[in-house]
Structures are given as C-alpha cells and as structure tokens.
C-alpha atoms as a PDB file:
ATOM      1  CA  UNK A   1     102.508 110.077  97.442  1.00  0.00           C
ATOM      2  CA  UNK A   2      99.063 109.088  98.693  1.00  0.00           C
ATOM      3  CA  UNK A   3      96.915 111.664 100.466  1.00  0.00           C
ATOM      4  CA  UNK A   4      96.834 109.475 103.557  1.00  0.00           C
ATOM      5  CA  UNK A   5     100.630 109.330 103.631  1.00  0.00           C
ATOM      6  CA  UNK A   6     100.839 113.124 103.453  1.00  0.00           C
ATOM      7  CA  UNK A   7      98.372 113.466 106.326  1.00  0.00           C
ATOM      8  CA  UNK A   8     100.123 110.778 108.366  1.00  0.00           C
ATOM      9  CA  UNK A   9     103.506 112.411 107.894  1.00  0.00           C
ATOM     10  CA  UNK A  10     102.122 115.757 109.095  1.00  0.00           C
ATOM     11  CA  UNK A  11     100.602 114.083 112.156  1.00  0.00           C
ATOM     12  CA  UNK A  12     103.881 112.293 112.938  1.00  0.00           C
ATOM     13  CA  UNK A  13     105.791 115.570 112.780  1.00  0.00           C
ATOM     14  CA  UNK A  14     103.377 117.054 115.343  1.00  0.00           C
ATOM     15  CA  UNK A  15     103.195 113.916 117.483  1.00  0.00           C
ATOM     16  CA  UNK A  16     106.948 113.464 117.853  1.00  0.00           C
ATOM     17  CA  UNK A  17     107.991 117.099 118.102  1.00  0.00           C
ATOM     18  CA  UNK A  18     109.001 116.583 121.736  1.00  0.00           C
ATOM     19  CA  UNK A  19     111.743 114.138 120.713  1.00  0.00           C
ATOM     20  CA  UNK A  20     113.744 117.091 119.501  1.00  0.00           C
ATOM     21  CA  UNK A  21     113.905 118.277 123.112  1.00  0.00           C
ATOM     22  CA  UNK A  22     116.726 116.074 124.364  1.00  0.00           C
ATOM     23  CA  UNK A  23     116.425 117.057 128.031  1.00  0.00           C
ATOM     24  CA  UNK A  24     112.695 116.347 128.124  1.00  0.00           C
ATOM     25  CA  UNK A  25     113.138 113.056 126.255  1.00  0.00           C
ATOM     26  CA  UNK A  26     115.688 111.772 128.751  1.00  0.00           C
ATOM     27  CA  UNK A  27     113.573 112.909 131.709  1.00  0.00           C
ATOM     28  CA  UNK A  28     110.516 111.016 130.473  1.00  0.00           C
ATOM     29  CA  UNK A  29     112.450 107.905 129.457  1.00  0.00           C
ATOM     30  CA  UNK A  30     111.533 105.670 132.436  1.00  0.00           C
ATOM     31  CA  UNK A  31     107.840 105.945 131.558  1.00  0.00           C
ATOM     32  CA  UNK A  32     108.502 104.445 128.113  1.00  0.00           C
ATOM     33  CA  UNK A  33     110.423 101.351 129.189  1.00  0.00           C
ATOM     34  CA  UNK A  34     107.520  99.047 130.056  1.00  0.00           C
ATOM     35  CA  UNK A  35     106.566  96.806 127.098  1.00  0.00           C
ATOM     36  CA  UNK A  36     103.105  97.273 125.667  1.00  0.00           C
ATOM     37  CA  UNK A  37     100.902  94.197 126.203  1.00  0.00           C
ATOM     38  CA  UNK A  38      99.871  92.223 123.161  1.00  0.00           C
ATOM     39  CA  UNK A  39      96.525  93.696 122.014  1.00  0.00           C
ATOM     40  CA  UNK A  40      93.398  91.557 122.171  1.00  0.00           C
ATOM     41  CA  UNK A  41      92.862  91.717 118.414  1.00  0.00           C
ATOM     42  CA  UNK A  42      96.323  90.193 117.929  1.00  0.00           C
ATOM     43  CA  UNK A  43      95.617  87.359 120.387  1.00  0.00           C
ATOM     44  CA  UNK A  44      92.353  86.659 118.550  1.00  0.00           C
ATOM     45  CA  UNK A  45      94.014  86.569 115.147  1.00  0.00           C
ATOM     46  CA  UNK A  46      97.197  84.717 116.134  1.00  0.00           C
ATOM     47  CA  UNK A  47      98.457  82.188 118.653  1.00  0.00           C
ATOM     48  CA  UNK A  48     100.524  84.102 121.199  1.00  0.00           C
ATOM     49  CA  UNK A  49     102.787  82.492 123.789  1.00  0.00           C
ATOM     50  CA  UNK A  50     105.864  83.452 125.766  1.00  0.00           C
ATOM     51  CA  UNK A  51     108.835  81.975 127.595  1.00  0.00           C
ATOM     52  CA  UNK A  52     111.388  83.424 129.997  1.00  0.00           C
ATOM     53  CA  UNK A  53     115.054  82.962 129.135  1.00  0.00           C
ATOM     54  CA  UNK A  54     118.304  83.808 130.901  1.00  0.00           C
ATOM     55  CA  UNK A  55     116.480  84.378 134.152  1.00  0.00           C
ATOM     56  CA  UNK A  56     114.294  87.381 133.414  1.00  0.00           C
ATOM     57  CA  UNK A  57     114.038  88.010 129.661  1.00  0.00           C
ATOM     58  CA  UNK A  58     110.700  87.411 127.956  1.00  0.00           C
ATOM     59  CA  UNK A  59     110.482  86.070 124.428  1.00  0.00           C
ATOM     60  CA  UNK A  60     107.056  86.313 122.800  1.00  0.00           C
ATOM     61  CA  UNK A  61     106.030  84.012 119.940  1.00  0.00           C
ATOM     62  CA  UNK A  62     103.270  85.035 117.530  1.00  0.00           C
ATOM     63  CA  UNK A  63     102.148  82.191 115.270  1.00  0.00           C
ATOM     64  CA  UNK A  64      99.427  81.771 112.633  1.00  0.00           C
ATOM     65  CA  UNK A  65      96.233  80.011 113.686  1.00  0.00           C
ATOM     66  CA  UNK A  66      95.063  78.241 110.554  1.00  0.00           C
ATOM     67  CA  UNK A  67      98.137  77.563 108.440  1.00  0.00           C
ATOM     68  CA  UNK A  68     100.487  74.545 108.459  1.00  0.00           C
ATOM     69  CA  UNK A  69     103.985  74.950 109.919  1.00  0.00           C
ATOM     70  CA  UNK A  70     106.007  77.455 107.942  1.00  0.00           C
ATOM     71  CA  UNK A  71     109.090  79.652 108.192  1.00  0.00           C
ATOM     72  CA  UNK A  72     110.313  81.172 111.439  1.00  0.00           C
ATOM     73  CA  UNK A  73     111.383  84.777 111.947  1.00  0.00           C
ATOM     74  CA  UNK A  74     113.444  86.163 114.822  1.00  0.00           C
ATOM     75  CA  UNK A  75     112.209  89.756 114.971  1.00  0.00           C
ATOM     76  CA  UNK A  76     113.957  92.517 116.942  1.00  0.00           C
ATOM     77  CA  UNK A  77     111.886  95.573 117.755  1.00  0.00           C
ATOM     78  CA  UNK A  78     113.015  99.183 117.485  1.00  0.00           C
ATOM     79  CA  UNK A  79     112.888 102.061 119.928  1.00  0.00           C
ATOM     80  CA  UNK A  80     116.356 103.649 119.823  1.00  0.00           C
ATOM     81  CA  UNK A  81     117.494 100.962 122.306  1.00  0.00           C
ATOM     82  CA  UNK A  82     115.775 102.914 125.102  1.00  0.00           C
ATOM     83  CA  UNK A  83     112.049 102.454 124.330  1.00  0.00           C
ATOM     84  CA  UNK A  84     110.131  99.226 124.915  1.00  0.00           C
ATOM     85  CA  UNK A  85     108.074  97.443 122.302  1.00  0.00           C
ATOM     86  CA  UNK A  86     104.904  99.381 121.473  1.00  0.00           C
ATOM     87  CA  UNK A  87     101.379  98.344 120.546  1.00  0.00           C
ATOM     88  CA  UNK A  88     102.037  99.268 116.919  1.00  0.00           C
ATOM     89  CA  UNK A  89     104.854  96.703 116.806  1.00  0.00           C
ATOM     90  CA  UNK A  90     102.432  93.938 117.762  1.00  0.00           C
ATOM     91  CA  UNK A  91      99.973  95.066 115.099  1.00  0.00           C
ATOM     92  CA  UNK A  92     102.623  95.039 112.373  1.00  0.00           C
ATOM     93  CA  UNK A  93     103.961  91.661 113.488  1.00  0.00           C
ATOM     94  CA  UNK A  94     100.460  90.185 113.459  1.00  0.00           C
ATOM     95  CA  UNK A  95      99.939  91.517 109.935  1.00  0.00           C
ATOM     96  CA  UNK A  96     103.145  89.833 108.766  1.00  0.00           C
ATOM     97  CA  UNK A  97     102.225  86.583 110.521  1.00  0.00           C
ATOM     98  CA  UNK A  98      98.782  86.458 108.928  1.00  0.00           C
ATOM     99  CA  UNK A  99      99.987  87.375 105.444  1.00  0.00           C
ATOM    100  CA  UNK A 100     103.080  85.164 105.371  1.00  0.00           C
ATOM    101  CA  UNK A 101     102.160  82.171 107.520  1.00  0.00           C
ATOM    102  CA  UNK A 102     105.487  82.568 109.342  1.00  0.00           C
ATOM    103  CA  UNK A 103     105.954  82.257 113.104  1.00  0.00           C
ATOM    104  CA  UNK A 104     107.598  85.291 114.709  1.00  0.00           C
ATOM    105  CA  UNK A 105     109.772  85.168 117.825  1.00  0.00           C
ATOM    106  CA  UNK A 106     110.282  88.531 119.532  1.00  0.00           C
ATOM    107  CA  UNK A 107     112.919  88.822 122.294  1.00  0.00           C
ATOM    108  CA  UNK A 108     112.216  91.666 124.714  1.00  0.00           C
ATOM    109  CA  UNK A 109     115.868  92.560 125.182  1.00  0.00           C
ATOM    110  CA  UNK A 110     117.069  94.857 127.956  1.00  0.00           C
ATOM    111  CA  UNK A 111     117.062  98.586 127.302  1.00  0.00           C
ATOM    112  CA  UNK A 112     119.620 101.315 127.923  1.00  0.00           C
ATOM    113  CA  UNK A 113     120.798 102.700 130.231  1.00  0.00           C
ATOM    114  CA  UNK A 114     120.329  99.619 132.445  1.00  0.00           C
ATOM    115  CA  UNK A 115     121.402  97.276 129.615  1.00  0.00           C
ATOM    116  CA  UNK A 116     123.814  97.600 126.709  1.00  0.00           C
ATOM    117  CA  UNK A 117     124.550  95.930 123.396  1.00  0.00           C
ATOM    118  CA  UNK A 118     126.721  93.372 125.196  1.00  0.00           C
ATOM    119  CA  UNK A 119     123.712  92.294 127.253  1.00  0.00           C
ATOM    120  CA  UNK A 120     121.451  91.868 124.206  1.00  0.00           C
ATOM    121  CA  UNK A 121     123.401  89.390 122.133  1.00  0.00           C
ATOM    122  CA  UNK A 122     123.483  86.467 124.616  1.00  0.00           C
ATOM    123  CA  UNK A 123     119.683  86.570 124.663  1.00  0.00           C
ATOM    124  CA  UNK A 124     119.472  86.645 120.866  1.00  0.00           C
ATOM    125  CA  UNK A 125     121.947  83.751 120.673  1.00  0.00           C
ATOM    126  CA  UNK A 126     119.710  81.703 122.957  1.00  0.00           C
ATOM    127  CA  UNK A 127     116.609  82.577 120.947  1.00  0.00           C
ATOM    128  CA  UNK A 128     118.313  81.657 117.670  1.00  0.00           C
ATOM    129  CA  UNK A 129     119.333  78.277 119.102  1.00  0.00           C
ATOM    130  CA  UNK A 130     115.799  77.509 120.277  1.00  0.00           C
ATOM    131  CA  UNK A 131     114.218  78.669 117.029  1.00  0.00           C
ATOM    132  CA  UNK A 132     116.600  76.536 114.979  1.00  0.00           C
ATOM    133  CA  UNK A 133     115.578  73.487 116.978  1.00  0.00           C
ATOM    134  CA  UNK A 134     111.880  74.274 116.628  1.00  0.00           C
ATOM    135  CA  UNK A 135     112.042  75.121 112.920  1.00  0.00           C
ATOM    136  CA  UNK A 136     113.558  71.821 111.860  1.00  0.00           C
ATOM    137  CA  UNK A 137     113.685  71.879 108.056  1.00  0.00           C
ATOM    138  CA  UNK A 138     111.769  75.155 107.795  1.00  0.00           C
ATOM    139  CA  UNK A 139     113.770  78.304 106.911  1.00  0.00           C
ATOM    140  CA  UNK A 140     114.722  80.851 109.557  1.00  0.00           C
ATOM    141  CA  UNK A 141     114.885  84.614 108.924  1.00  0.00           C
ATOM    142  CA  UNK A 142     116.282  87.570 110.856  1.00  0.00           C
ATOM    143  CA  UNK A 143     114.323  90.805 110.813  1.00  0.00           C
ATOM    144  CA  UNK A 144     113.892  94.039 112.731  1.00  0.00           C
ATOM    145  CA  UNK A 145     112.893  97.667 112.588  1.00  0.00           C
ATOM    146  CA  UNK A 146     114.979 100.751 113.399  1.00  0.00           C
ATOM    147  CA  UNK A 147     117.299  99.891 116.326  1.00  0.00           C
ATOM    148  CA  UNK A 148     116.144  96.291 116.036  1.00  0.00           C
ATOM    149  CA  UNK A 149     117.313  96.338 112.440  1.00  0.00           C
ATOM    150  CA  UNK A 150     120.800  97.190 113.650  1.00  0.00           C
ATOM    151  CA  UNK A 151     120.647  94.306 116.130  1.00  0.00           C
ATOM    152  CA  UNK A 152     119.498  91.912 113.410  1.00  0.00           C
ATOM    153  CA  UNK A 153     122.390  92.900 111.165  1.00  0.00           C
ATOM    154  CA  UNK A 154     124.822  92.621 114.067  1.00  0.00           C
ATOM    155  CA  UNK A 155     123.505  89.160 114.929  1.00  0.00           C
ATOM    156  CA  UNK A 156     123.992  87.971 111.344  1.00  0.00           C
ATOM    157  CA  UNK A 157     127.599  89.175 111.480  1.00  0.00           C
ATOM    158  CA  UNK A 158     128.187  87.386 114.788  1.00  0.00           C
ATOM    159  CA  UNK A 159     126.710  84.157 113.401  1.00  0.00           C
ATOM    160  CA  UNK A 160     128.996  84.383 110.374  1.00  0.00           C
ATOM    161  CA  UNK A 161     132.045  84.948 112.571  1.00  0.00           C
ATOM    162  CA  UNK A 162     131.093  81.986 114.766  1.00  0.00           C
ATOM    163  CA  UNK A 163     130.641  79.704 111.768  1.00  0.00           C
ATOM    164  CA  UNK A 164     126.947  79.159 112.542  1.00  0.00           C
ATOM    165  CA  UNK A 165     124.443  78.192 109.891  1.00  0.00           C
ATOM    166  CA  UNK A 166     123.250  81.435 108.279  1.00  0.00           C
ATOM    167  CA  UNK A 167     119.632  82.502 108.220  1.00  0.00           C
ATOM    168  CA  UNK A 168     117.803  82.344 104.911  1.00  0.00           C
ATOM    169  CA  UNK A 169     117.551  86.114 104.578  1.00  0.00           C
ATOM    170  CA  UNK A 170     117.664  89.372 106.547  1.00  0.00           C
ATOM    171  CA  UNK A 171     114.745  91.820 106.182  1.00  0.00           C
ATOM    172  CA  UNK A 172     115.249  95.259 107.709  1.00  0.00           C
ATOM    173  CA  UNK A 173     112.713  98.060 108.134  1.00  0.00           C
ATOM    174  CA  UNK A 174     114.253 101.550 108.501  1.00  0.00           C
ATOM    175  CA  UNK A 175     117.346 100.084 110.198  1.00  0.00           C
ATOM    176  CA  UNK A 176     119.660 102.058 112.492  1.00  0.00           C
ATOM    177  CA  UNK A 177     123.017 100.471 111.729  1.00  0.00           C
ATOM    178  CA  UNK A 178     125.529 103.160 112.781  1.00  0.00           C
ATOM    179  CA  UNK A 179     125.271 104.837 116.181  1.00  0.00           C
ATOM    180  CA  UNK A 180     127.623 107.624 115.111  1.00  0.00           C
ATOM    181  CA  UNK A 181     125.363 109.209 112.464  1.00  0.00           C
ATOM    182  CA  UNK A 182     128.403 111.181 111.346  1.00  0.00           C
ATOM    183  CA  UNK A 183     127.841 111.386 107.602  1.00  0.00           C
ATOM    184  CA  UNK A 184     128.224 115.142 106.894  1.00  0.00           C
ATOM    185  CA  UNK A 185     125.168 115.017 104.656  1.00  0.00           C
ATOM    186  CA  UNK A 186     123.031 114.263 107.724  1.00  0.00           C
ATOM    187  CA  UNK A 187     123.433 117.855 108.858  1.00  0.00           C
ATOM    188  CA  UNK A 188     121.309 118.834 105.865  1.00  0.00           C
ATOM    189  CA  UNK A 189     119.178 115.709 105.704  1.00  0.00           C
ATOM    190  CA  UNK A 190     117.902 115.419 109.264  1.00  0.00           C
ATOM    191  CA  UNK A 191     115.353 118.228 108.928  1.00  0.00           C
ATOM    192  CA  UNK A 192     113.405 116.090 106.434  1.00  0.00           C
ATOM    193  CA  UNK A 193     112.616 113.461 109.050  1.00  0.00           C
ATOM    194  CA  UNK A 194     109.366 114.203 110.945  1.00  0.00           C
ATOM    195  CA  UNK A 195     110.099 111.689 113.693  1.00  0.00           C
ATOM    196  CA  UNK A 196     113.791 111.329 114.531  1.00  0.00           C
ATOM    197  CA  UNK A 197     116.214 113.717 116.171  1.00  0.00           C
ATOM    198  CA  UNK A 198     119.898 113.165 115.387  1.00  0.00           C
ATOM    199  CA  UNK A 199     120.968 114.549 118.780  1.00  0.00           C
ATOM    200  CA  UNK A 200     118.523 112.272 120.574  1.00  0.00           C
ATOM    201  CA  UNK A 201     119.744 109.200 118.677  1.00  0.00           C
ATOM    202  CA  UNK A 202     123.392 110.002 119.371  1.00  0.00           C
ATOM    203  CA  UNK A 203     122.621 110.306 123.098  1.00  0.00           C
ATOM    204  CA  UNK A 204     120.763 106.975 123.066  1.00  0.00           C
ATOM    205  CA  UNK A 205     123.581 105.346 121.128  1.00  0.00           C
ATOM    206  CA  UNK A 206     126.114 106.412 123.736  1.00  0.00           C
ATOM    207  CA  UNK A 207     123.992 104.793 126.439  1.00  0.00           C
ATOM    208  CA  UNK A 208     123.534 101.610 124.406  1.00  0.00           C
ATOM    209  CA  UNK A 209     127.224 101.160 123.573  1.00  0.00           C
ATOM    210  CA  UNK A 210     128.110 101.046 127.274  1.00  0.00           C
ATOM    211  CA  UNK A 211     131.872 100.694 127.738  1.00  0.00           C
ATOM    212  CA  UNK A 212     132.387 100.421 123.993  1.00  0.00           C
ATOM    213  CA  UNK A 213     133.078 103.263 121.605  1.00  0.00           C
ATOM    214  CA  UNK A 214     129.801 103.886 119.703  1.00  0.00           C
ATOM    215  CA  UNK A 215     131.839 103.389 116.519  1.00  0.00           C
ATOM    216  CA  UNK A 216     132.723  99.822 117.555  1.00  0.00           C
ATOM    217  CA  UNK A 217     131.312  97.475 114.875  1.00  0.00           C
ATOM    218  CA  UNK A 218     129.625  95.427 117.601  1.00  0.00           C
ATOM    219  CA  UNK A 219     127.398  98.428 118.311  1.00  0.00           C
ATOM    220  CA  UNK A 220     127.497  99.933 114.815  1.00  0.00           C
ATOM    221  CA  UNK A 221     127.420  96.943 112.419  1.00  0.00           C
ATOM    222  CA  UNK A 222     127.525  99.189 109.340  1.00  0.00           C
ATOM    223  CA  UNK A 223     131.219  99.601 110.208  1.00  0.00           C
ATOM    224  CA  UNK A 224     131.852  95.838 110.319  1.00  0.00           C
ATOM    225  CA  UNK A 225     133.208  93.524 107.636  1.00  0.00           C
ATOM    226  CA  UNK A 226     130.070  92.788 105.594  1.00  0.00           C
ATOM    227  CA  UNK A 227     131.389  89.862 103.576  1.00  0.00           C
ATOM    228  CA  UNK A 228     129.647  86.503 103.609  1.00  0.00           C
ATOM    229  CA  UNK A 229     126.253  87.622 104.907  1.00  0.00           C
ATOM    230  CA  UNK A 230     122.869  86.172 103.942  1.00  0.00           C
ATOM    231  CA  UNK A 231     120.854  88.066 101.290  1.00  0.00           C
ATOM    232  CA  UNK A 232     119.648  91.414 102.629  1.00  0.00           C
ATOM    233  CA  UNK A 233     116.510  93.461 101.906  1.00  0.00           C
ATOM    234  CA  UNK A 234     116.071  96.960 103.331  1.00  0.00           C
ATOM    235  CA  UNK A 235     112.818  98.965 103.277  1.00  0.00           C
ATOM    236  CA  UNK A 236     113.088 102.677 104.042  1.00  0.00           C
ATOM    237  CA  UNK A 237     111.456 106.038 103.357  1.00  0.00           C
ATOM    238  CA  UNK A 238     112.867 108.980 101.459  1.00  0.00           C
ATOM    239  CA  UNK A 239     112.263 111.268 104.460  1.00  0.00           C
ATOM    240  CA  UNK A 240     114.033 108.960 106.925  1.00  0.00           C
ATOM    241  CA  UNK A 241     117.079 110.281 108.776  1.00  0.00           C
ATOM    242  CA  UNK A 242     118.588 106.804 108.393  1.00  0.00           C
ATOM    243  CA  UNK A 243     118.269 106.681 104.592  1.00  0.00           C
ATOM    244  CA  UNK A 244     121.880 107.678 103.937  1.00  0.00           C
ATOM    245  CA  UNK A 245     123.235 104.873 106.110  1.00  0.00           C
ATOM    246  CA  UNK A 246     120.814 102.449 104.446  1.00  0.00           C
ATOM    247  CA  UNK A 247     122.331 103.445 101.113  1.00  0.00           C
ATOM    248  CA  UNK A 248     125.819 102.905 102.533  1.00  0.00           C
ATOM    249  CA  UNK A 249     124.789  99.473 103.838  1.00  0.00           C
ATOM    250  CA  UNK A 250     123.398  98.470 100.449  1.00  0.00           C
ATOM    251  CA  UNK A 251     126.520  99.642  98.626  1.00  0.00           C
ATOM    252  CA  UNK A 252     128.935  98.073 101.118  1.00  0.00           C
ATOM    253  CA  UNK A 253     127.239  94.670 101.076  1.00  0.00           C
ATOM    254  CA  UNK A 254     127.296  94.596  97.286  1.00  0.00           C
ATOM    255  CA  UNK A 255     130.909  95.773  97.197  1.00  0.00           C
ATOM    256  CA  UNK A 256     131.725  92.868  99.519  1.00  0.00           C
ATOM    257  CA  UNK A 257     130.177  90.440  97.026  1.00  0.00           C
ATOM    258  CA  UNK A 258     126.845  89.966  98.790  1.00  0.00           C
ATOM    259  CA  UNK A 259     123.218  90.277  97.726  1.00  0.00           C
ATOM    260  CA  UNK A 260     121.367  93.408  98.789  1.00  0.00           C
ATOM    261  CA  UNK A 261     118.133  95.009  97.703  1.00  0.00           C
ATOM    262  CA  UNK A 262     117.256  98.532  98.861  1.00  0.00           C
ATOM    263  CA  UNK A 263     113.644  99.627  98.431  1.00  0.00           C
ATOM    264  CA  UNK A 264     113.071 103.353  98.950  1.00  0.00           C
ATOM    265  CA  UNK A 265     109.604 104.888  99.165  1.00  0.00           C
ATOM    266  CA  UNK A 266     110.345 108.597  98.522  1.00  0.00           C
ATOM    267  CA  UNK A 267     107.361 109.845 100.528  1.00  0.00           C
ATOM    268  CA  UNK A 268     107.979 107.600 103.536  1.00  0.00           C
ATOM    269  CA  UNK A 269     109.197 108.732 106.968  1.00  0.00           C
ATOM    270  CA  UNK A 270     110.984 106.668 109.627  1.00  0.00           C
ATOM    271  CA  UNK A 271     109.253 103.262 110.012  1.00  0.00           C
ATOM    272  CA  UNK A 272     106.392 104.489 107.812  1.00  0.00           C
ATOM    273  CA  UNK A 273     105.565 100.840 107.179  1.00  0.00           C
ATOM    274  CA  UNK A 274     103.895 100.777 110.606  1.00  0.00           C
ATOM    275  CA  UNK A 275     101.242 103.219 109.329  1.00  0.00           C
ATOM    276  CA  UNK A 276      99.116 100.396 107.959  1.00  0.00           C
ATOM    277  CA  UNK A 277      96.318 102.720 106.867  1.00  0.00           C
ATOM    278  CA  UNK A 278      98.568 104.019 104.074  1.00  0.00           C
ATOM    279  CA  UNK A 279      98.973 102.392 100.673  1.00  0.00           C
ATOM    280  CA  UNK A 280     102.742 102.634 100.954  1.00  0.00           C
ATOM    281  CA  UNK A 281     102.878 100.692 104.227  1.00  0.00           C
ATOM    282  CA  UNK A 282     100.608  97.973 102.846  1.00  0.00           C
ATOM    283  CA  UNK A 283     102.930  97.610  99.859  1.00  0.00           C
ATOM    284  CA  UNK A 284     105.871  97.009 102.185  1.00  0.00           C
ATOM    285  CA  UNK A 285     103.910  94.487 104.251  1.00  0.00           C
ATOM    286  CA  UNK A 286     102.840  92.614 101.139  1.00  0.00           C
ATOM    287  CA  UNK A 287     106.367  92.486  99.730  1.00  0.00           C
ATOM    288  CA  UNK A 288     107.946  91.378 103.009  1.00  0.00           C
ATOM    289  CA  UNK A 289     105.235  88.752 103.554  1.00  0.00           C
ATOM    290  CA  UNK A 290     105.851  87.292 100.100  1.00  0.00           C
ATOM    291  CA  UNK A 291     109.527  86.977 100.917  1.00  0.00           C
ATOM    292  CA  UNK A 292     108.900  85.245 104.241  1.00  0.00           C
ATOM    293  CA  UNK A 293     106.372  82.920 102.634  1.00  0.00           C
ATOM    294  CA  UNK A 294     108.478  82.374  99.519  1.00  0.00           C
ATOM    295  CA  UNK A 295     111.652  81.683 101.480  1.00  0.00           C
ATOM    296  CA  UNK A 296     113.761  84.591 100.337  1.00  0.00           C
ATOM    297  CA  UNK A 297     114.771  86.989  97.613  1.00  0.00           C
ATOM    298  CA  UNK A 298     113.067  87.253  94.263  1.00  0.00           C
ATOM    299  CA  UNK A 299     116.343  86.842  92.380  1.00  0.00           C
ATOM    300  CA  UNK A 300     119.930  88.129  92.541  1.00  0.00           C
ATOM    301  CA  UNK A 301     119.063  90.423  89.634  1.00  0.00           C
ATOM    302  CA  UNK A 302     116.703  92.396  91.873  1.00  0.00           C
ATOM    303  CA  UNK A 303     119.568  93.614  94.085  1.00  0.00           C
ATOM    304  CA  UNK A 304     119.226  97.254  93.227  1.00  0.00           C
ATOM    305  CA  UNK A 305     117.801 100.507  94.515  1.00  0.00           C
ATOM    306  CA  UNK A 306     114.158 100.804  93.605  1.00  0.00           C
ATOM    307  CA  UNK A 307     111.888 103.782  94.151  1.00  0.00           C
ATOM    308  CA  UNK A 308     108.228 103.916  95.070  1.00  0.00           C
ATOM    309  CA  UNK A 309     105.837 106.804  94.329  1.00  0.00           C
END
C-alpha cells in the first residue's frame, strides 16, 4: 500500500463519518441532489456538450479534443441512487477520455426518492440508441461506478433480454449490484469500509426500488440470470463494503459461461480509483483506458481474481 493511499483512506474515514448517521444523511439529502457543473479544467481538456432527452433529462458528452473518432462509452455515475454527479466524477471521466481517446456519454438520471429504477432505464435505452447511431462502426462500452455500476450491469441484462446488439465490454468500478446487502459476512466486513454505511445503503436501495422488492433482479442485477452477457471487468478495493458482492458477481458470471475479470486492490476503499493522486488509482485508470482504447479484454485467460499491493 502506498503512503498516499494510507493517508487518503484515513481522510475518507473522517470525511464520510456522517454517512453512518442515517437520520442526518436523509435530512441533508436534498442539498446533494443538484449535479456538479463540469469543471473548467475538464472543458479545457475535452470537448463537452449536452442534450436534453425525454423532456427534462440531461445527457452530457465528454469527447477528446485531438484524437480521431474512437470508441464510445455510456457511463453511469454513482451516488447510492440519491446523490447527484460530483466534481470528482467529471475529473475521472476526463482522465479516461484523455488516456483512451474514447467519447463518454453520461446520462444524469433521476434520483430517489423522486425517481426509481423504473424511471432510469427508459433514459438509458434512449441514450444507447443514440450512441449506437453516432458510433457507427466504432465499439460501444457500458461502464459505471458504485450505483452506476449496478445500472450498467442491469442495462446489459435488459439489452440481452431484448435481443439488442451487445456492447463490446462492461467495465465496472466498485459496483453496487445487490440492494439487499444480505450476505452474512457483511456484518463483519462493513467496518473495514471507511466510506459506506450498510444501513444507509439499504435505506437508499428501498427508495430506489420504488414499488419493487429491493431483491427484484431489475433493481438488484446480481440476482438476475447472468448468462450471455458481454465480457465483464470489475475494479474494486479490499476495504470496500461491496467487495463480497463483486466476488459473487465474478463467480456467477463465470459459472454461467461468461467472461469475467475481477481486479482487487487490497488497500483500496470504495471507489478509491477516484483518488487520482494515489498510485493505485492511476493503475486502475491506465488499465481501464487501455481496454477502452484496445476495444476490450486482454484475453479470456485473464478472467481471474488478481490482487494489487
């Protein structure tokens, strides 16, 4: 573990200590539901544009400035389905755009409690259709972090069920794929995570599932039939509350005959890859960028759990 990672993890534990106070978190929720504007350094480095779809939903596109047309990525941001996109998301996306040459499309989907999972997917369907048309012969990827990782996986399952052309690959960063978080081992594991609160996530998941049971595979895609999906890569930290479900996802996809690679950085916390000042985060960004630029997985033989120091 790098010294900077150790310091960052300690800061994160202090910074997010309030999230373990469920009452306070819910009370302050409205103040966190306005999307952060795209920072000026991102607009200088990349070409940023936006469109409005389905009446009132914004979709932001972040494209490289100096590279020829390349792959396209539909990226779904995290935030426990109740928090809007943050400035750090834009910084990470810009890093991936610059390193990979890919164009990223980011739907700003509605948040709970005003919106639910059933409101999100029509928007993602529309975005996928538009991106397909724009990409032409270029490959299209699905990606997302945390809650957005769950949405990305769910969208891939819906596309399979509809008989749509699959994306080239799915890249997930610390994905939240099961709203229930009911693995008994989590009762011991959750204290390792400096950022997430299991109780807080369960409360958010209940809001996001709406009229559905949170265990419904539409809301918790880990519980869905995982056969016939595009190749999957998952990046996650060893101190992430969601690690156990990431391991289940990896195992279940492979058991269903699919390709899955799980990369675990033992020192990492939830979405540690956003801490770009750390060596570990830069390693994740470099690996993901190579995959976007190289159009997919290294090889089927790499579908295994790999550890990082």
